[in-house]
Amino acid sequence: MSQPSDTDPVTIPWEKIVRQAVHDMRTPLSSMLTTVAVLRQLQGNAAAPPQWERMIDLLERQVQTLSAQLVQLHESPESYLKVEESA
């Protein structure tokens, strides 16, 4: 009988890794959302080019999408496997 290796899925603390990864990714996402809010304020106070609105909207939607995915990953890591299996 062989000994479990350090990379054996049974011995890797996946739940702890997922929790830590989600936590670490939320910090830059929070900073990005703050940046979006500041950009919106600056846009309202200046004669900004029309493409600013589209770029800010796009950035905001992308950050919100990533944030929602992190919530899903944190609350239900198994759901990512189910999506992968159905593809």
Protein backbone atom coordinates (compact mmCIF):
# COMPACT_ATOMS: atom_id res chain seq x y z
CA MET A 1 0.00 0.00 0.00
CA SER A 2 1.45 3.39 -0.97
CA GLN A 3 1.71 6.43 1.26
CA PRO A 4 -0.46 9.46 0.34
CA SER A 5 1.63 12.16 -1.35
CA ASP A 6 1.57 15.88 -0.57
CA THR A 7 -0.39 16.44 -3.77
CA ASP A 8 -2.97 13.73 -3.09
CA PRO A 9 -6.42 15.44 -3.31
CA VAL A 10 -7.42 13.78 -0.05
CA THR A 11 -4.59 15.44 1.90
CA ILE A 12 -4.80 18.92 0.37
CA PRO A 13 -6.99 21.22 2.50
CA TRP A 14 -9.13 22.43 -0.43
CA GLU A 15 -11.78 24.11 1.69
CA LYS A 16 -9.15 26.18 3.48
CA ILE A 17 -7.45 27.04 0.18
CA VAL A 18 -10.73 28.15 -1.41
CA ARG A 19 -11.64 30.30 1.62
CA GLN A 20 -8.22 31.98 1.62
CA ALA A 21 -8.21 32.51 -2.15
CA VAL A 22 -11.68 34.09 -2.07
CA HIS A 23 -10.63 36.35 0.79
CA ASP A 24 -7.45 37.40 -1.02
CA MET A 25 -9.35 38.19 -4.24
CA ARG A 26 -12.04 40.25 -2.51
CA THR A 27 -9.52 42.90 -1.43
CA PRO A 28 -8.55 44.04 -4.95
CA LEU A 29 -12.17 43.75 -6.11
CA SER A 30 -13.23 46.06 -3.30
CA SER A 31 -10.57 48.53 -4.36
CA MET A 32 -11.82 48.34 -7.97
CA LEU A 33 -15.41 49.06 -6.89
CA THR A 34 -14.16 52.09 -4.93
CA THR A 35 -12.28 53.24 -8.03
CA VAL A 36 -15.47 52.93 -10.09
CA ALA A 37 -17.32 55.09 -7.55
CA VAL A 38 -14.57 57.74 -7.66
CA LEU A 39 -14.58 57.70 -11.48
CA ARG A 40 -18.35 58.21 -11.48
CA GLN A 41 -17.93 61.21 -9.16
CA LEU A 42 -15.19 62.69 -11.31
CA GLN A 43 -17.26 62.10 -14.43
CA GLY A 44 -20.18 64.00 -12.89
CA ASN A 45 -17.94 66.94 -11.98
CA ALA A 46 -16.26 67.29 -15.38
CA ALA A 47 -17.06 67.38 -19.04
CA ALA A 48 -16.03 63.78 -19.59
CA PRO A 49 -15.95 62.18 -23.02
CA PRO A 50 -19.03 59.99 -23.73
CA GLN A 51 -16.94 56.79 -23.90
CA TRP A 52 -16.11 57.20 -20.20
CA GLU A 53 -19.65 56.18 -19.25
CA ARG A 54 -19.41 52.98 -21.31
CA MET A 55 -15.96 52.13 -19.93
CA ILE A 56 -17.01 52.75 -16.33
CA ASP A 57 -20.18 50.68 -16.84
CA LEU A 58 -18.16 47.83 -18.35
CA LEU A 59 -15.64 47.89 -15.52
CA GLU A 60 -18.40 47.95 -12.91
CA ARG A 61 -20.26 45.00 -14.51
CA GLN A 62 -17.08 42.95 -14.76
CA VAL A 63 -16.13 43.60 -11.13
CA GLN A 64 -19.65 42.75 -9.98
CA THR A 65 -19.56 39.53 -12.03
CA LEU A 66 -16.26 38.50 -10.47
CA SER A 67 -17.56 39.39 -7.03
CA ALA A 68 -20.66 37.22 -7.54
CA GLN A 69 -18.49 34.35 -8.74
CA LEU A 70 -16.35 34.62 -5.61
CA VAL A 71 -19.46 34.50 -3.43
CA GLN A 72 -20.58 31.38 -5.30
CA LEU A 73 -17.14 29.80 -4.97
CA HIS A 74 -17.03 30.58 -1.25
CA GLU A 75 -20.56 29.34 -0.53
CA SER A 76 -20.59 26.35 -2.86
CA PRO A 77 -17.25 25.25 -4.34
CA GLU A 78 -18.95 22.10 -5.62
CA SER A 79 -21.13 24.19 -7.94
CA TYR A 80 -18.06 24.86 -10.10
CA LEU A 81 -17.60 21.14 -10.63
CA LYS A 82 -21.26 20.73 -11.59
CA VAL A 83 -20.98 23.50 -14.19
CA GLU A 84 -17.82 21.90 -15.58
CA GLU A 85 -19.44 18.43 -15.78
CA SER A 86 -22.50 19.75 -17.64
CA ALA A 87 -20.39 21.59 -20.25
